[in-house]
Amino acid sequence: MHFVIHCLDYKGGVQKRLANYEAHKAYLGTAPFKILISGPLLGEDNETMIGSMFLVEADDKAAVEAFNAADPFRKAGVWERIDIHPFLKRMDNR
């Protein structure tokens, strides 16, 4: 099953994000499921990172929640809001 993880940073948190980026990136490499796409969300200026988005393929939501709970960005308080939802892929034009 697919899940979308949508995370929004605390305002003004770019420096905290950058300080924890390498740990976050390394952690993603340990995922117990397939991360299909991931990357930062950008502000209206199309440059400033304001959050993160992931599309993952996992057996259940509990596994996704547990993995997200241990992410270095979450532990460091980078994300103010985290939403995890099942996702039904209807189209893929790759």
Protein backbone atom coordinates (compact mmCIF):
# COMPACT_ATOMS: atom_id res chain seq x y z
CA MET A 1 0.00 0.00 0.00
CA HIS A 2 1.15 3.56 -0.65
CA PHE A 3 1.31 6.32 1.95
CA VAL A 4 1.99 10.04 1.70
CA ILE A 5 3.93 11.70 4.52
CA HIS A 6 3.48 15.48 4.46
CA CYS A 7 5.52 17.49 6.97
CA LEU A 8 5.60 21.26 7.50
CA ASP A 9 8.52 22.89 9.29
CA TYR A 10 8.34 25.40 12.10
CA LYS A 11 8.62 28.90 10.67
CA GLY A 12 12.21 30.06 10.36
CA GLY A 13 13.54 26.54 10.79
CA VAL A 14 15.83 26.34 7.77
CA GLN A 15 19.03 26.38 9.84
CA LYS A 16 17.79 23.58 12.10
CA ARG A 17 16.83 21.62 8.98
CA LEU A 18 20.28 22.11 7.44
CA ALA A 19 22.03 21.19 10.70
CA ASN A 20 20.23 17.83 10.74
CA TYR A 21 20.19 17.12 7.00
CA GLU A 22 23.02 14.56 6.87
CA ALA A 23 21.54 12.53 9.74
CA HIS A 24 18.10 12.68 8.10
CA LYS A 25 19.48 11.58 4.72
CA ALA A 26 21.39 8.67 6.28
CA TYR A 27 18.29 7.63 8.23
CA LEU A 28 16.16 7.49 5.08
CA GLY A 29 18.60 4.91 3.74
CA THR A 30 17.59 2.56 6.57
CA ALA A 31 13.86 2.54 5.75
CA PRO A 32 12.24 -0.87 6.25
CA PHE A 33 10.01 -0.13 3.25
CA LYS A 34 10.39 1.41 -0.19
CA ILE A 35 10.60 5.20 -0.41
CA LEU A 36 9.32 5.93 -3.91
CA ILE A 37 9.94 9.69 -3.88
CA SER A 38 10.97 12.23 -1.29
CA GLY A 39 12.11 15.79 -1.13
CA PRO A 40 11.66 19.19 0.44
CA LEU A 41 8.56 21.32 0.07
CA LEU A 42 9.37 24.87 -1.02
CA GLY A 43 7.93 28.23 -0.05
CA GLU A 44 6.38 30.72 -2.44
CA ASP A 45 9.84 31.93 -3.44
CA ASN A 46 10.51 28.45 -4.93
CA GLU A 47 13.75 28.27 -2.92
CA THR A 48 13.17 28.24 0.84
CA MET A 49 12.61 24.75 2.25
CA ILE A 50 9.44 24.69 4.38
CA GLY A 51 8.77 20.99 4.82
CA SER A 52 9.11 17.48 3.46
CA MET A 53 7.02 15.12 1.34
CA PHE A 54 7.41 11.38 0.90
CA LEU A 55 5.56 8.77 -1.09
CA VAL A 56 6.30 5.34 0.37
CA GLU A 57 5.21 1.78 -0.19
CA ALA A 58 4.71 -0.07 3.08
CA ASP A 59 2.68 -2.94 4.50
CA ASP A 60 0.80 -0.77 6.99
CA LYS A 61 0.49 2.73 8.41
CA ALA A 62 1.96 1.70 11.76
CA ALA A 63 5.31 0.95 10.11
CA VAL A 64 5.31 4.35 8.42
CA GLU A 65 4.41 6.14 11.66
CA ALA A 66 7.12 4.32 13.61
CA PHE A 67 9.77 5.13 11.02
CA ASN A 68 8.73 8.79 10.87
CA ALA A 69 8.76 9.05 14.69
CA ALA A 70 12.47 8.16 14.75
CA ASP A 71 13.50 10.48 11.90
CA PRO A 72 16.27 12.90 12.96
CA PHE A 73 14.25 15.84 11.62
CA ARG A 74 11.37 14.91 13.91
CA LYS A 75 13.63 14.30 16.89
CA ALA A 76 15.32 17.68 16.34
CA GLY A 77 11.99 19.51 16.17
CA VAL A 78 12.25 20.54 12.52
CA TRP A 79 8.66 19.59 11.67
CA GLU A 80 5.76 21.40 13.28
CA ARG A 81 3.04 19.35 11.57
CA ILE A 82 3.11 15.79 10.23
CA ASP A 83 0.29 14.15 8.32
CA ILE A 84 0.40 10.54 7.10
CA HIS A 85 -2.33 9.29 4.79
CA PRO A 86 -2.96 6.19 2.70
CA PHE A 87 -2.67 7.02 -1.00
CA LEU A 88 -4.43 5.32 -3.90
CA LYS A 89 -2.29 5.72 -7.00
CA ARG A 90 -4.54 5.97 -10.03
CA MET A 91 -2.11 7.23 -12.65
CA ASP A 92 1.64 7.18 -13.21
CA ASN A 93 2.96 8.86 -16.37
CA ARG A 94 6.62 8.03 -15.90
